[in-house]
Structures are given as C-alpha cells and as structure tokens.
Full PDB file with SEQRES, HELIX, SHEET, SSBOND, CRYST1, ORIGX, SCALE, CONECT and MASTER records, all heavy atoms in Angstrom:
SEQRES   1 A   33  LEU LEU PRO ALA VAL ASP ALA VAL LEU ALA GLU ALA GLY          
SEQRES   2 A   33  ARG ALA LEU ASN GLU VAL THR GLY LEU VAL VAL GLY VAL          
SEQRES   3 A   33  GLY PRO GLY PRO TYR THR GLY                                  
HELIX    1 AA1 LEU A    2  ALA A   12  1                                  11    
HELIX    2 AA2 LEU A   16  GLU A   18  5                                   3    
CRYST1    1.000    1.000    1.000  90.00  90.00  90.00 P 1           1          
ORIGX1      1.000000  0.000000  0.000000        0.00000                         
ORIGX2      0.000000  1.000000  0.000000        0.00000                         
ORIGX3      0.000000  0.000000  1.000000        0.00000                         
SCALE1      1.000000  0.000000  0.000000        0.00000                         
SCALE2      0.000000  1.000000  0.000000        0.00000                         
SCALE3      0.000000  0.000000  1.000000        0.00000                         
ATOM      1  N   LEU A   1       6.686   1.733  -5.372  1.00  0.00           N  
ATOM      2  CA  LEU A   1       5.547   1.619  -4.461  1.00  0.00           C  
ATOM      3  C   LEU A   1       4.368   0.886  -5.098  1.00  0.00           C  
ATOM      4  O   LEU A   1       3.863  -0.056  -4.526  1.00  0.00           O  
ATOM      5  CB  LEU A   1       5.167   2.953  -3.900  1.00  0.00           C  
ATOM      6  CG  LEU A   1       3.960   2.915  -2.938  1.00  0.00           C  
ATOM      7  CD1 LEU A   1       4.289   2.016  -1.703  1.00  0.00           C  
ATOM      8  CD2 LEU A   1       3.573   4.277  -2.509  1.00  0.00           C  
ATOM      9  N   LEU A   2       3.920   1.311  -6.208  1.00  0.00           N  
ATOM     10  CA  LEU A   2       2.623   0.707  -6.796  1.00  0.00           C  
ATOM     11  C   LEU A   2       2.854  -0.777  -7.184  1.00  0.00           C  
ATOM     12  O   LEU A   2       1.932  -1.546  -6.956  1.00  0.00           O  
ATOM     13  CB  LEU A   2       2.143   1.603  -7.926  1.00  0.00           C  
ATOM     14  CG  LEU A   2       1.520   2.991  -7.588  1.00  0.00           C  
ATOM     15  CD1 LEU A   2       1.053   3.681  -8.778  1.00  0.00           C  
ATOM     16  CD2 LEU A   2       0.427   2.770  -6.551  1.00  0.00           C  
ATOM     17  N   PRO A   3       3.974  -1.125  -7.823  1.00  0.00           N  
ATOM     18  CA  PRO A   3       4.180  -2.499  -8.028  1.00  0.00           C  
ATOM     19  C   PRO A   3       4.166  -3.346  -6.769  1.00  0.00           C  
ATOM     20  O   PRO A   3       3.734  -4.523  -6.742  1.00  0.00           O  
ATOM     21  CB  PRO A   3       5.578  -2.584  -8.745  1.00  0.00           C  
ATOM     22  CG  PRO A   3       5.667  -1.228  -9.412  1.00  0.00           C  
ATOM     23  CD  PRO A   3       4.987  -0.252  -8.474  1.00  0.00           C  
ATOM     24  N   ALA A   4       4.695  -2.807  -5.660  1.00  0.00           N  
ATOM     25  CA  ALA A   4       4.680  -3.465  -4.387  1.00  0.00           C  
ATOM     26  C   ALA A   4       3.201  -3.679  -3.891  1.00  0.00           C  
ATOM     27  O   ALA A   4       2.839  -4.753  -3.354  1.00  0.00           O  
ATOM     28  CB  ALA A   4       5.481  -2.771  -3.369  1.00  0.00           C  
ATOM     29  N   VAL A   5       2.366  -2.649  -4.112  1.00  0.00           N  
ATOM     30  CA  VAL A   5       0.954  -2.816  -3.750  1.00  0.00           C  
ATOM     31  C   VAL A   5       0.324  -3.945  -4.570  1.00  0.00           C  
ATOM     32  O   VAL A   5      -0.451  -4.789  -4.021  1.00  0.00           O  
ATOM     33  CB  VAL A   5       0.250  -1.444  -3.962  1.00  0.00           C  
ATOM     34  CG1 VAL A   5      -1.259  -1.701  -3.803  1.00  0.00           C  
ATOM     35  CG2 VAL A   5       0.703  -0.360  -2.973  1.00  0.00           C  
ATOM     36  N   ASP A   6       0.578  -3.908  -5.839  1.00  0.00           N  
ATOM     37  CA  ASP A   6       0.000  -4.945  -6.760  1.00  0.00           C  
ATOM     38  C   ASP A   6       0.500  -6.345  -6.319  1.00  0.00           C  
ATOM     39  O   ASP A   6      -0.281  -7.332  -6.196  1.00  0.00           O  
ATOM     40  CB  ASP A   6       0.417  -4.711  -8.186  1.00  0.00           C  
ATOM     41  CG  ASP A   6      -0.292  -3.513  -8.822  1.00  0.00           C  
ATOM     42  OD1 ASP A   6      -1.363  -3.122  -8.257  1.00  0.00           O  
ATOM     43  OD2 ASP A   6       0.223  -3.023  -9.791  1.00  0.00           O  
ATOM     44  N   ALA A   7       1.744  -6.492  -5.978  1.00  0.00           N  
ATOM     45  CA  ALA A   7       2.292  -7.734  -5.586  1.00  0.00           C  
ATOM     46  C   ALA A   7       1.731  -8.284  -4.241  1.00  0.00           C  
ATOM     47  O   ALA A   7       1.365  -9.462  -4.076  1.00  0.00           O  
ATOM     48  CB  ALA A   7       3.817  -7.666  -5.460  1.00  0.00           C  
ATOM     49  N   VAL A   8       1.505  -7.401  -3.362  1.00  0.00           N  
ATOM     50  CA  VAL A   8       0.899  -7.763  -2.012  1.00  0.00           C  
ATOM     51  C   VAL A   8      -0.579  -8.206  -2.254  1.00  0.00           C  
ATOM     52  O   VAL A   8      -0.986  -9.280  -1.620  1.00  0.00           O  
ATOM     53  CB  VAL A   8       0.952  -6.537  -1.068  1.00  0.00           C  
ATOM     54  CG1 VAL A   8       0.025  -6.762   0.214  1.00  0.00           C  
ATOM     55  CG2 VAL A   8       2.398  -6.394  -0.526  1.00  0.00           C  
ATOM     56  N   LEU A   9      -1.391  -7.507  -2.975  1.00  0.00           N  
ATOM     57  CA  LEU A   9      -2.722  -7.837  -3.207  1.00  0.00           C  
ATOM     58  C   LEU A   9      -2.808  -9.159  -3.955  1.00  0.00           C  
ATOM     59  O   LEU A   9      -3.574 -10.061  -3.565  1.00  0.00           O  
ATOM     60  CB  LEU A   9      -3.425  -6.724  -3.995  1.00  0.00           C  
ATOM     61  CG  LEU A   9      -3.608  -5.476  -3.299  1.00  0.00           C  
ATOM     62  CD1 LEU A   9      -4.116  -4.372  -4.268  1.00  0.00           C  
ATOM     63  CD2 LEU A   9      -4.681  -5.630  -2.227  1.00  0.00           C  
ATOM     64  N   ALA A  10      -1.902  -9.392  -4.959  1.00  0.00           N  
ATOM     65  CA  ALA A  10      -1.931 -10.667  -5.684  1.00  0.00           C  
ATOM     66  C   ALA A  10      -1.591 -11.868  -4.833  1.00  0.00           C  
ATOM     67  O   ALA A  10      -2.172 -12.847  -4.877  1.00  0.00           O  
ATOM     68  CB  ALA A  10      -0.882 -10.574  -6.887  1.00  0.00           C  
ATOM     69  N   GLU A  11      -0.526 -11.653  -3.987  1.00  0.00           N  
ATOM     70  CA  GLU A  11      -0.113 -12.767  -3.089  1.00  0.00           C  
ATOM     71  C   GLU A  11      -1.237 -13.112  -2.051  1.00  0.00           C  
ATOM     72  O   GLU A  11      -1.446 -14.270  -1.728  1.00  0.00           O  
ATOM     73  CB  GLU A  11       1.093 -12.254  -2.231  1.00  0.00           C  
ATOM     74  CG  GLU A  11       1.639 -13.437  -1.349  1.00  0.00           C  
ATOM     75  CD  GLU A  11       2.877 -12.985  -0.563  1.00  0.00           C  
ATOM     76  OE1 GLU A  11       3.598 -12.148  -1.141  1.00  0.00           O  
ATOM     77  OE2 GLU A  11       3.045 -13.473   0.561  1.00  0.00           O  
ATOM     78  N   ALA A  12      -1.973 -12.109  -1.624  1.00  0.00           N  
ATOM     79  CA  ALA A  12      -3.034 -12.384  -0.716  1.00  0.00           C  
ATOM     80  C   ALA A  12      -4.339 -12.803  -1.362  1.00  0.00           C  
ATOM     81  O   ALA A  12      -5.266 -13.273  -0.695  1.00  0.00           O  
ATOM     82  CB  ALA A  12      -3.373 -11.127   0.118  1.00  0.00           C  
ATOM     83  N   GLY A  13      -4.360 -12.730  -2.706  1.00  0.00           N  
ATOM     84  CA  GLY A  13      -5.568 -13.116  -3.397  1.00  0.00           C  
ATOM     85  C   GLY A  13      -6.726 -12.155  -3.136  1.00  0.00           C  
ATOM     86  O   GLY A  13      -7.920 -12.609  -3.180  1.00  0.00           O  
ATOM     87  N   ARG A  14      -6.426 -10.866  -2.955  1.00  0.00           N  
ATOM     88  CA  ARG A  14      -7.499  -9.916  -2.604  1.00  0.00           C  
ATOM     89  C   ARG A  14      -7.429  -8.835  -3.709  1.00  0.00           C  
ATOM     90  O   ARG A  14      -6.343  -8.575  -4.311  1.00  0.00           O  
ATOM     91  CB  ARG A  14      -7.340  -9.325  -1.216  1.00  0.00           C  
ATOM     92  CG  ARG A  14      -7.160 -10.364  -0.192  1.00  0.00           C  
ATOM     93  CD  ARG A  14      -8.384 -11.276  -0.045  1.00  0.00           C  
ATOM     94  NE  ARG A  14      -9.527 -10.611   0.586  1.00  0.00           N  
ATOM     95  CZ  ARG A  14      -9.772 -10.617   1.910  1.00  0.00           C  
ATOM     96  NH1 ARG A  14      -8.952 -11.264   2.708  1.00  0.00           N  
ATOM     97  NH2 ARG A  14     -10.871  -9.994   2.400  1.00  0.00           N  
ATOM     98  N   ALA A  15      -8.564  -8.092  -3.831  1.00  0.00           N  
ATOM     99  CA  ALA A  15      -8.613  -6.967  -4.798  1.00  0.00           C  
ATOM    100  C   ALA A  15      -8.588  -5.668  -4.027  1.00  0.00           C  
ATOM    101  O   ALA A  15      -8.935  -5.619  -2.872  1.00  0.00           O  
ATOM    102  CB  ALA A  15      -9.906  -7.006  -5.591  1.00  0.00           C  
ATOM    103  N   LEU A  16      -8.102  -4.632  -4.702  1.00  0.00           N  
ATOM    104  CA  LEU A  16      -7.973  -3.324  -4.047  1.00  0.00           C  
ATOM    105  C   LEU A  16      -9.348  -2.778  -3.537  1.00  0.00           C  
ATOM    106  O   LEU A  16      -9.402  -2.166  -2.443  1.00  0.00           O  
ATOM    107  CB  LEU A  16      -7.431  -2.234  -5.030  1.00  0.00           C  
ATOM    108  CG  LEU A  16      -7.155  -0.843  -4.477  1.00  0.00           C  
ATOM    109  CD1 LEU A  16      -6.156  -0.886  -3.336  1.00  0.00           C  
ATOM    110  CD2 LEU A  16      -6.642   0.042  -5.582  1.00  0.00           C  
ATOM    111  N   ASN A  17     -10.370  -3.140  -4.266  1.00  0.00           N  
ATOM    112  CA  ASN A  17     -11.794  -2.612  -3.793  1.00  0.00           C  
ATOM    113  C   ASN A  17     -12.219  -3.341  -2.569  1.00  0.00           C  
ATOM    114  O   ASN A  17     -13.332  -3.026  -2.051  1.00  0.00           O  
ATOM    115  CB  ASN A  17     -12.753  -2.658  -4.933  1.00  0.00           C  
ATOM    116  CG  ASN A  17     -12.963  -4.125  -5.501  1.00  0.00           C  
ATOM    117  OD1 ASN A  17     -12.549  -5.042  -4.929  1.00  0.00           O  
ATOM    118  ND2 ASN A  17     -13.609  -4.126  -6.650  1.00  0.00           N  
ATOM    119  N   GLU A  18     -11.517  -4.434  -2.089  1.00  0.00           N  
ATOM    120  CA  GLU A  18     -11.937  -5.057  -0.858  1.00  0.00           C  
ATOM    121  C   GLU A  18     -11.239  -4.406   0.391  1.00  0.00           C  
ATOM    122  O   GLU A  18     -11.700  -4.666   1.526  1.00  0.00           O  
ATOM    123  CB  GLU A  18     -11.453  -6.530  -0.902  1.00  0.00           C  
ATOM    124  CG  GLU A  18     -12.086  -7.393  -1.931  1.00  0.00           C  
ATOM    125  CD  GLU A  18     -11.544  -8.818  -1.878  1.00  0.00           C  
ATOM    126  OE1 GLU A  18     -11.774  -9.532  -0.919  1.00  0.00           O  
ATOM    127  OE2 GLU A  18     -10.883  -9.181  -2.862  1.00  0.00           O  
ATOM    128  N   VAL A  19     -10.345  -3.565   0.168  1.00  0.00           N  
ATOM    129  CA  VAL A  19      -9.654  -2.847   1.236  1.00  0.00           C  
ATOM    130  C   VAL A  19     -10.653  -1.950   1.970  1.00  0.00           C  
ATOM    131  O   VAL A  19     -11.391  -1.179   1.302  1.00  0.00           O  
ATOM    132  CB  VAL A  19      -8.444  -2.074   0.804  1.00  0.00           C  
ATOM    133  CG1 VAL A  19      -7.811  -1.226   1.888  1.00  0.00           C  
ATOM    134  CG2 VAL A  19      -7.384  -3.037   0.171  1.00  0.00           C  
ATOM    135  N   THR A  20     -10.663  -1.992   3.333  1.00  0.00           N  
ATOM    136  CA  THR A  20     -11.618  -1.159   4.101  1.00  0.00           C  
ATOM    137  C   THR A  20     -10.901   0.056   4.757  1.00  0.00           C  
ATOM    138  O   THR A  20     -11.621   0.908   5.302  1.00  0.00           O  
ATOM    139  CB  THR A  20     -12.240  -2.041   5.232  1.00  0.00           C  
ATOM    140  OG1 THR A  20     -11.205  -2.508   6.091  1.00  0.00           O  
ATOM    141  CG2 THR A  20     -13.052  -3.159   4.580  1.00  0.00           C  
ATOM    142  N   GLY A  21      -9.622   0.063   4.814  1.00  0.00           N  
ATOM    143  CA  GLY A  21      -8.865   1.241   5.351  1.00  0.00           C  
ATOM    144  C   GLY A  21      -7.442   1.251   4.904  1.00  0.00           C  
ATOM    145  O   GLY A  21      -6.890   0.217   4.659  1.00  0.00           O  
ATOM    146  N   LEU A  22      -6.900   2.417   4.865  1.00  0.00           N  
ATOM    147  CA  LEU A  22      -5.483   2.637   4.514  1.00  0.00           C  
ATOM    148  C   LEU A  22      -4.690   3.057   5.766  1.00  0.00           C  
ATOM    149  O   LEU A  22      -5.237   3.754   6.615  1.00  0.00           O  
ATOM    150  CB  LEU A  22      -5.287   3.731   3.484  1.00  0.00           C  
ATOM    151  CG  LEU A  22      -5.495   3.383   1.995  1.00  0.00           C  
ATOM    152  CD1 LEU A  22      -4.434   2.460   1.554  1.00  0.00           C  
ATOM    153  CD2 LEU A  22      -6.889   2.894   1.668  1.00  0.00           C  
ATOM    154  N   VAL A  23      -3.522   2.615   5.935  1.00  0.00           N  
ATOM    155  CA  VAL A  23      -2.634   3.068   7.010  1.00  0.00           C  
ATOM    156  C   VAL A  23      -1.369   3.555   6.302  1.00  0.00           C  
ATOM    157  O   VAL A  23      -0.776   2.834   5.475  1.00  0.00           O  
ATOM    158  CB  VAL A  23      -2.284   1.856   7.961  1.00  0.00           C  
ATOM    159  CG1 VAL A  23      -1.354   2.370   9.099  1.00  0.00           C  
ATOM    160  CG2 VAL A  23      -3.500   1.238   8.470  1.00  0.00           C  
ATOM    161  N   VAL A  24      -0.914   4.719   6.712  1.00  0.00           N  
ATOM    162  CA  VAL A  24       0.272   5.323   6.063  1.00  0.00           C  
ATOM    163  C   VAL A  24       1.233   5.952   7.040  1.00  0.00           C  
ATOM    164  O   VAL A  24       0.723   6.562   8.005  1.00  0.00           O  
ATOM    165  CB  VAL A  24      -0.149   6.307   4.983  1.00  0.00           C  
ATOM    166  CG1 VAL A  24      -0.915   7.538   5.602  1.00  0.00           C  
ATOM    167  CG2 VAL A  24       1.116   6.860   4.181  1.00  0.00           C  
ATOM    168  N   GLY A  25       2.482   5.696   6.903  1.00  0.00           N  
ATOM    169  CA  GLY A  25       3.466   6.328   7.740  1.00  0.00           C  
ATOM    170  C   GLY A  25       3.602   7.800   7.414  1.00  0.00           C  
ATOM    171  O   GLY A  25       3.783   8.227   6.234  1.00  0.00           O  
ATOM    172  N   VAL A  26       3.543   8.673   8.437  1.00  0.00           N  
ATOM    173  CA  VAL A  26       3.571  10.118   8.215  1.00  0.00           C  
ATOM    174  C   VAL A  26       4.873  10.705   8.480  1.00  0.00           C  
ATOM    175  O   VAL A  26       5.117  11.908   8.411  1.00  0.00           O  
ATOM    176  CB  VAL A  26       2.468  10.797   9.081  1.00  0.00           C  
ATOM    177  CG1 VAL A  26       1.102  10.339   8.746  1.00  0.00           C  
ATOM    178  CG2 VAL A  26       2.844  10.675  10.555  1.00  0.00           C  
ATOM    179  N   GLY A  27       5.904   9.884   8.726  1.00  0.00           N  
ATOM    180  CA  GLY A  27       7.230  10.356   9.020  1.00  0.00           C  
ATOM    181  C   GLY A  27       7.519  10.404  10.472  1.00  0.00           C  
ATOM    182  O   GLY A  27       6.818   9.790  11.283  1.00  0.00           O  
ATOM    183  N   PRO A  28       8.537  11.130  10.878  1.00  0.00           N  
ATOM    184  CA  PRO A  28       9.323  12.108  10.099  1.00  0.00           C  
ATOM    185  C   PRO A  28      10.168  11.499   9.050  1.00  0.00           C  
ATOM    186  O   PRO A  28      10.583  10.329   9.141  1.00  0.00           O  
ATOM    187  CB  PRO A  28      10.178  12.765  11.089  1.00  0.00           C  
ATOM    188  CG  PRO A  28      10.321  11.808  12.193  1.00  0.00           C  
ATOM    189  CD  PRO A  28       9.022  11.015  12.312  1.00  0.00           C  
ATOM    190  N   GLY A  29      10.442  12.174   7.952  1.00  0.00           N  
ATOM    191  CA  GLY A  29      11.201  11.708   6.877  1.00  0.00           C  
ATOM    192  C   GLY A  29      11.456  12.783   5.868  1.00  0.00           C  
ATOM    193  O   GLY A  29      10.916  13.911   5.865  1.00  0.00           O  
ATOM    194  N   PRO A  30      12.371  12.495   4.901  1.00  0.00           N  
ATOM    195  CA  PRO A  30      12.685  13.459   3.857  1.00  0.00           C  
ATOM    196  C   PRO A  30      11.484  13.814   2.980  1.00  0.00           C  
ATOM    197  O   PRO A  30      10.598  12.883   2.783  1.00  0.00           O  
ATOM    198  CB  PRO A  30      13.789  12.764   3.009  1.00  0.00           C  
ATOM    199  CG  PRO A  30      14.369  11.727   3.974  1.00  0.00           C  
ATOM    200  CD  PRO A  30      13.213  11.262   4.782  1.00  0.00           C  
ATOM    201  N   TYR A  31      11.479  14.981   2.432  1.00  0.00           N  
ATOM    202  CA  TYR A  31      10.301  15.544   1.734  1.00  0.00           C  
ATOM    203  C   TYR A  31       9.820  14.609   0.651  1.00  0.00           C  
ATOM    204  O   TYR A  31       8.627  14.187   0.632  1.00  0.00           O  
ATOM    205  CB  TYR A  31      10.663  16.911   1.190  1.00  0.00           C  
ATOM    206  CG  TYR A  31       9.512  17.580   0.430  1.00  0.00           C  
ATOM    207  CD1 TYR A  31       8.633  18.367   1.177  1.00  0.00           C  
ATOM    208  CD2 TYR A  31       9.309  17.480  -0.906  1.00  0.00           C  
ATOM    209  CE1 TYR A  31       7.629  19.019   0.460  1.00  0.00           C  
ATOM    210  CE2 TYR A  31       8.314  18.080  -1.580  1.00  0.00           C  
ATOM    211  CZ  TYR A  31       7.518  18.905  -0.909  1.00  0.00           C  
ATOM    212  OH  TYR A  31       6.465  19.553  -1.539  1.00  0.00           O  
ATOM    213  N   THR A  32      10.605  14.294  -0.321  1.00  0.00           N  
ATOM    214  CA  THR A  32      10.130  13.583  -1.537  1.00  0.00           C  
ATOM    215  C   THR A  32       9.695  12.183  -1.214  1.00  0.00           C  
ATOM    216  O   THR A  32       8.543  11.835  -1.602  1.00  0.00           O  
ATOM    217  CB  THR A  32      11.325  13.577  -2.555  1.00  0.00           C  
ATOM    218  OG1 THR A  32      11.688  14.929  -2.881  1.00  0.00           O  
ATOM    219  CG2 THR A  32      10.787  12.906  -3.873  1.00  0.00           C  
ATOM    220  N   GLY A  33      10.476  11.390  -0.621  1.00  0.00           N  
ATOM    221  CA  GLY A  33      10.082  10.075  -0.309  1.00  0.00           C  
ATOM    222  C   GLY A  33       8.863   9.959   0.529  1.00  0.00           C  
ATOM    223  O   GLY A  33       7.953   9.157   0.271  1.00  0.00           O  
TER     224      GLY A  33                                                      
MASTER        0    0    0    2    0    0    0    6  223    1    0    3          
END                                                                             
C-alpha cells in the first residue's frame, strides 16, 4: 500500500502535504486487509 501511495504522488508530481482529503473504502471485507 505505501509504495503505491508514493508511486501515485510521484507520477502526479504532487506531495503528500498537498492532499486536502482522504477517501477510504470501508468494506465490507476481510478483517486484516
């Protein structure tokens, strides 16, 4: 997951501190993942 975040930010040429909001899937899904 974290390498994918780094790759997406690098491809877009943006920094993490520029992000204004997070969106996350809440499931349903298996516990660990």
